[in-house]
C-alpha atoms as a PDB file:
ATOM      1  CA  UNK A   1     -25.593 -12.013   8.597  1.00  0.00           C
ATOM      2  CA  UNK A   2     -24.568 -15.718   8.915  1.00  0.00           C
ATOM      3  CA  UNK A   3     -21.182 -17.115  10.224  1.00  0.00           C
ATOM      4  CA  UNK A   4     -19.567 -20.077   9.548  1.00  0.00           C
ATOM      5  CA  UNK A   5     -16.530 -21.673   9.787  1.00  0.00           C
ATOM      6  CA  UNK A   6     -15.410 -24.773   7.903  1.00  0.00           C
ATOM      7  CA  UNK A   7     -12.609 -26.962   8.683  1.00  0.00           C
ATOM      8  CA  UNK A   8     -10.561 -27.765   5.695  1.00  0.00           C
ATOM      9  CA  UNK A   9      -7.649 -30.509   5.680  1.00  0.00           C
ATOM     10  CA  UNK A  10      -4.595 -29.683   4.228  1.00  0.00           C
ATOM     11  CA  UNK A  11      -5.376 -26.172   3.469  1.00  0.00           C
ATOM     12  CA  UNK A  12      -1.896 -24.436   2.971  1.00  0.00           C
ATOM     13  CA  UNK A  13      -3.555 -21.008   5.063  1.00  0.00           C
ATOM     14  CA  UNK A  14      -6.478 -20.231   6.665  1.00  0.00           C
ATOM     15  CA  UNK A  15      -8.834 -17.956   4.413  1.00  0.00           C
ATOM     16  CA  UNK A  16     -12.301 -16.083   4.630  1.00  0.00           C
ATOM     17  CA  UNK A  17     -14.639 -15.810   2.049  1.00  0.00           C
ATOM     18  CA  UNK A  18     -17.004 -12.771   2.788  1.00  0.00           C
ATOM     19  CA  UNK A  19     -20.507 -12.914   0.555  1.00  0.00           C
ATOM     20  CA  UNK A  20     -22.727 -10.266  -0.231  1.00  0.00           C
ATOM     21  CA  UNK A  21     -25.411  -9.242  -2.008  1.00  0.00           C
ATOM     22  CA  UNK A  22     -22.980  -5.692  -2.605  1.00  0.00           C
ATOM     23  CA  UNK A  23     -20.353  -4.326  -1.975  1.00  0.00           C
ATOM     24  CA  UNK A  24     -20.893  -1.899   0.740  1.00  0.00           C
ATOM     25  CA  UNK A  25     -19.073  -0.546   4.210  1.00  0.00           C
ATOM     26  CA  UNK A  26     -19.675  -3.010   6.315  1.00  0.00           C
ATOM     27  CA  UNK A  27     -18.427  -5.939   4.075  1.00  0.00           C
ATOM     28  CA  UNK A  28     -15.317  -3.350   3.621  1.00  0.00           C
ATOM     29  CA  UNK A  29     -14.669  -2.499   7.011  1.00  0.00           C
ATOM     30  CA  UNK A  30     -14.680  -6.462   7.944  1.00  0.00           C
ATOM     31  CA  UNK A  31     -12.465  -7.072   5.026  1.00  0.00           C
ATOM     32  CA  UNK A  32      -9.926  -4.290   6.179  1.00  0.00           C
ATOM     33  CA  UNK A  33     -10.434  -5.541   9.183  1.00  0.00           C
ATOM     34  CA  UNK A  34      -9.781  -9.267   8.545  1.00  0.00           C
ATOM     35  CA  UNK A  35      -6.536  -8.121   6.277  1.00  0.00           C
ATOM     36  CA  UNK A  36      -4.880  -6.162   8.831  1.00  0.00           C
ATOM     37  CA  UNK A  37      -4.769  -9.088  11.373  1.00  0.00           C
ATOM     38  CA  UNK A  38      -1.833 -10.755   9.862  1.00  0.00           C
ATOM     39  CA  UNK A  39      -0.732  -8.349   7.061  1.00  0.00           C
ATOM     40  CA  UNK A  40       2.371  -6.836   8.988  1.00  0.00           C
ATOM     41  CA  UNK A  41       3.248 -10.859   9.657  1.00  0.00           C
ATOM     42  CA  UNK A  42       3.359 -12.419   6.111  1.00  0.00           C
ATOM     43  CA  UNK A  43       6.359 -12.020   3.970  1.00  0.00           C
ATOM     44  CA  UNK A  44       6.864 -11.724   0.147  1.00  0.00           C
ATOM     45  CA  UNK A  45      10.029 -13.334  -1.044  1.00  0.00           C
ATOM     46  CA  UNK A  46      11.713 -10.441  -3.461  1.00  0.00           C
ATOM     47  CA  UNK A  47      15.059 -10.223  -4.968  1.00  0.00           C
ATOM     48  CA  UNK A  48      17.630  -7.319  -5.290  1.00  0.00           C
ATOM     49  CA  UNK A  49      20.623  -8.045  -6.952  1.00  0.00           C
ATOM     50  CA  UNK A  50      20.945 -11.603  -6.638  1.00  0.00           C
ATOM     51  CA  UNK A  51      19.951 -11.642  -3.241  1.00  0.00           C
ATOM     52  CA  UNK A  52      16.660 -12.734  -1.827  1.00  0.00           C
ATOM     53  CA  UNK A  53      14.178 -10.560   0.769  1.00  0.00           C
ATOM     54  CA  UNK A  54      12.012 -11.592   2.795  1.00  0.00           C
ATOM     55  CA  UNK A  55       9.344  -8.462   2.879  1.00  0.00           C
ATOM     56  CA  UNK A  56       6.362  -7.988   5.128  1.00  0.00           C
ATOM     57  CA  UNK A  57       3.928  -7.223   2.998  1.00  0.00           C
ATOM     58  CA  UNK A  58       2.742  -4.521   5.294  1.00  0.00           C
ATOM     59  CA  UNK A  59       6.293  -2.316   4.239  1.00  0.00           C
ATOM     60  CA  UNK A  60       4.742  -2.591   0.279  1.00  0.00           C
ATOM     61  CA  UNK A  61       3.850   0.630  -0.799  1.00  0.00           C
ATOM     62  CA  UNK A  62       2.927  -0.931  -4.471  1.00  0.00           C
ATOM     63  CA  UNK A  63       3.313  -3.254  -7.269  1.00  0.00           C
ATOM     64  CA  UNK A  64       4.107  -2.225 -10.485  1.00  0.00           C
ATOM     65  CA  UNK A  65       4.763  -4.072 -13.768  1.00  0.00           C
ATOM     66  CA  UNK A  66       6.873  -2.547 -16.246  1.00  0.00           C
ATOM     67  CA  UNK A  67       7.889  -4.460 -19.477  1.00  0.00           C
ATOM     68  CA  UNK A  68       7.970  -8.189 -18.542  1.00  0.00           C
ATOM     69  CA  UNK A  69       8.681  -7.550 -14.862  1.00  0.00           C
ATOM     70  CA  UNK A  70       7.581  -6.979 -11.708  1.00  0.00           C
ATOM     71  CA  UNK A  71       8.753  -4.270  -9.473  1.00  0.00           C
ATOM     72  CA  UNK A  72       7.896  -3.945  -5.717  1.00  0.00           C
ATOM     73  CA  UNK A  73       8.298  -0.493  -3.964  1.00  0.00           C
ATOM     74  CA  UNK A  74       8.844  -0.096  -0.460  1.00  0.00           C
ATOM     75  CA  UNK A  75       9.602   3.234   0.717  1.00  0.00           C
ATOM     76  CA  UNK A  76      12.896   3.693  -0.221  1.00  0.00           C
ATOM     77  CA  UNK A  77      14.133   0.163  -2.238  1.00  0.00           C
ATOM     78  CA  UNK A  78      12.559  -1.453  -5.226  1.00  0.00           C
ATOM     79  CA  UNK A  79      12.424  -5.240  -5.305  1.00  0.00           C
ATOM     80  CA  UNK A  80      11.985  -7.577  -8.085  1.00  0.00           C
ATOM     81  CA  UNK A  81       9.253  -9.802  -7.821  1.00  0.00           C
ATOM     82  CA  UNK A  82       8.102 -13.336  -9.577  1.00  0.00           C
ATOM     83  CA  UNK A  83       4.837 -13.296  -9.647  1.00  0.00           C
ATOM     84  CA  UNK A  84       2.154 -12.355 -12.218  1.00  0.00           C
ATOM     85  CA  UNK A  85       0.509  -8.779 -11.400  1.00  0.00           C
ATOM     86  CA  UNK A  86      -2.806 -10.898 -11.312  1.00  0.00           C
ATOM     87  CA  UNK A  87      -1.494 -13.935  -8.470  1.00  0.00           C
ATOM     88  CA  UNK A  88      -0.283 -11.018  -6.189  1.00  0.00           C
ATOM     89  CA  UNK A  89      -3.977  -9.290  -6.985  1.00  0.00           C
ATOM     90  CA  UNK A  90      -5.476 -12.796  -5.486  1.00  0.00           C
ATOM     91  CA  UNK A  91      -3.200 -13.091  -2.391  1.00  0.00           C
ATOM     92  CA  UNK A  92      -2.804  -9.895  -1.097  1.00  0.00           C
ATOM     93  CA  UNK A  93      -4.890  -8.530   1.673  1.00  0.00           C
ATOM     94  CA  UNK A  94      -7.677  -6.001   1.316  1.00  0.00           C
ATOM     95  CA  UNK A  95      -5.708  -3.066   1.939  1.00  0.00           C
ATOM     96  CA  UNK A  96      -3.907  -3.480  -1.421  1.00  0.00           C
ATOM     97  CA  UNK A  97      -6.064  -3.051  -4.811  1.00  0.00           C
ATOM     98  CA  UNK A  98      -5.238  -2.119  -8.617  1.00  0.00           C
ATOM     99  CA  UNK A  99      -5.354   0.859  -9.114  1.00  0.00           C
ATOM    100  CA  UNK A 100      -4.490   0.434 -12.772  1.00  0.00           C
ATOM    101  CA  UNK A 101      -3.927  -1.933 -15.330  1.00  0.00           C
ATOM    102  CA  UNK A 102       0.080  -2.695 -14.279  1.00  0.00           C
ATOM    103  CA  UNK A 103      -0.206  -1.459 -11.006  1.00  0.00           C
ATOM    104  CA  UNK A 104      -1.373  -2.644  -7.296  1.00  0.00           C
ATOM    105  CA  UNK A 105      -1.251  -0.054  -4.469  1.00  0.00           C
ATOM    106  CA  UNK A 106      -1.543  -0.419  -0.384  1.00  0.00           C
ATOM    107  CA  UNK A 107      -4.337   1.894   0.584  1.00  0.00           C
ATOM    108  CA  UNK A 108      -2.533   2.739   4.473  1.00  0.00           C
ATOM    109  CA  UNK A 109      -0.001   4.408   2.533  1.00  0.00           C
ATOM    110  CA  UNK A 110      -1.773   7.002  -0.396  1.00  0.00           C
ATOM    111  CA  UNK A 111      -1.541  10.017   0.703  1.00  0.00           C
ATOM    112  CA  UNK A 112      -2.911  12.354  -1.773  1.00  0.00           C
ATOM    113  CA  UNK A 113      -4.082  11.992  -5.579  1.00  0.00           C
ATOM    114  CA  UNK A 114      -3.969  15.131  -7.644  1.00  0.00           C
ATOM    115  CA  UNK A 115      -6.592  14.498 -10.317  1.00  0.00           C
ATOM    116  CA  UNK A 116      -6.344  14.865 -14.007  1.00  0.00           C
ATOM    117  CA  UNK A 117      -9.896  15.167 -15.784  1.00  0.00           C
ATOM    118  CA  UNK A 118      -7.987  14.157 -19.328  1.00  0.00           C
ATOM    119  CA  UNK A 119      -5.889  11.294 -18.576  1.00  0.00           C
ATOM    120  CA  UNK A 120      -4.513   9.714 -15.270  1.00  0.00           C
ATOM    121  CA  UNK A 121      -4.223  10.803 -11.825  1.00  0.00           C
ATOM    122  CA  UNK A 122      -1.195  10.879  -9.914  1.00  0.00           C
ATOM    123  CA  UNK A 123      -0.686   8.968  -6.337  1.00  0.00           C
ATOM    124  CA  UNK A 124       1.598  10.086  -3.622  1.00  0.00           C
ATOM    125  CA  UNK A 125       2.669   7.971  -0.636  1.00  0.00           C
ATOM    126  CA  UNK A 126       2.962   8.841   2.655  1.00  0.00           C
ATOM    127  CA  UNK A 127       6.947   9.155   4.112  1.00  0.00           C
ATOM    128  CA  UNK A 128       8.597   8.442   0.223  1.00  0.00           C
ATOM    129  CA  UNK A 129       9.014  10.433  -2.521  1.00  0.00           C
ATOM    130  CA  UNK A 130       7.405   7.665  -4.644  1.00  0.00           C
ATOM    131  CA  UNK A 131       4.436   8.752  -7.007  1.00  0.00           C
ATOM    132  CA  UNK A 132       2.732   6.415  -9.357  1.00  0.00           C
ATOM    133  CA  UNK A 133      -0.584   6.575 -11.840  1.00  0.00           C
ATOM    134  CA  UNK A 134      -4.170   5.205 -11.204  1.00  0.00           C
ATOM    135  CA  UNK A 135      -6.067   5.150 -14.010  1.00  0.00           C
ATOM    136  CA  UNK A 136      -9.529   7.375 -14.868  1.00  0.00           C
ATOM    137  CA  UNK A 137     -11.387   3.483 -15.041  1.00  0.00           C
ATOM    138  CA  UNK A 138     -10.517   3.248 -11.236  1.00  0.00           C
ATOM    139  CA  UNK A 139     -10.197   6.525  -9.558  1.00  0.00           C
ATOM    140  CA  UNK A 140     -13.806   6.654  -8.623  1.00  0.00           C
ATOM    141  CA  UNK A 141     -13.721   2.601  -6.860  1.00  0.00           C
ATOM    142  CA  UNK A 142      -9.915   3.962  -5.535  1.00  0.00           C
ATOM    143  CA  UNK A 143     -11.521   7.360  -3.676  1.00  0.00           C
ATOM    144  CA  UNK A 144     -14.446   5.125  -2.692  1.00  0.00           C
ATOM    145  CA  UNK A 145     -12.114   2.584  -1.001  1.00  0.00           C
ATOM    146  CA  UNK A 146      -9.855   5.348   0.500  1.00  0.00           C
ATOM    147  CA  UNK A 147     -13.354   7.319   1.806  1.00  0.00           C
ATOM    148  CA  UNK A 148     -14.568   4.235   3.467  1.00  0.00           C
ATOM    149  CA  UNK A 149     -10.773   3.019   5.223  1.00  0.00           C
ATOM    150  CA  UNK A 150     -10.261   6.542   6.327  1.00  0.00           C
ATOM    151  CA  UNK A 151     -13.638   7.149   7.506  1.00  0.00           C
ATOM    152  CA  UNK A 152     -13.238   3.690   9.498  1.00  0.00           C
ATOM    153  CA  UNK A 153     -16.741   2.172   7.926  1.00  0.00           C
END
């Protein structure tokens, strides 16, 4: 494996790019490690009732769209987010993953998945009563990512 460091003047934020022939355990572990280094310190500007909040990314369980609104769920609150889901997908750390057309989840908080063979499966989150759906098209990839993360590979 080659390792390069490029100095780019005017870059707003440090960025690490992992280039690989295929997605393998090593690349996923490297992404997870790098993501966790700054995950709890980075905050998103979210709103609730006209008040702006700066919520650490590590406190967010999942994002979901409902109509034209994007909502960010923490253990016990729901905030509104001004980003589009595809924008969040590009800027969120590796602990987040799209699990349906309308949802991005924080893999660190997923507690269980109740499988449904004919429709979407139900995802439950640790330390919360919140639930969301994982679509059939994302189910297998989600299980692979969770297995890789939980086994520490």
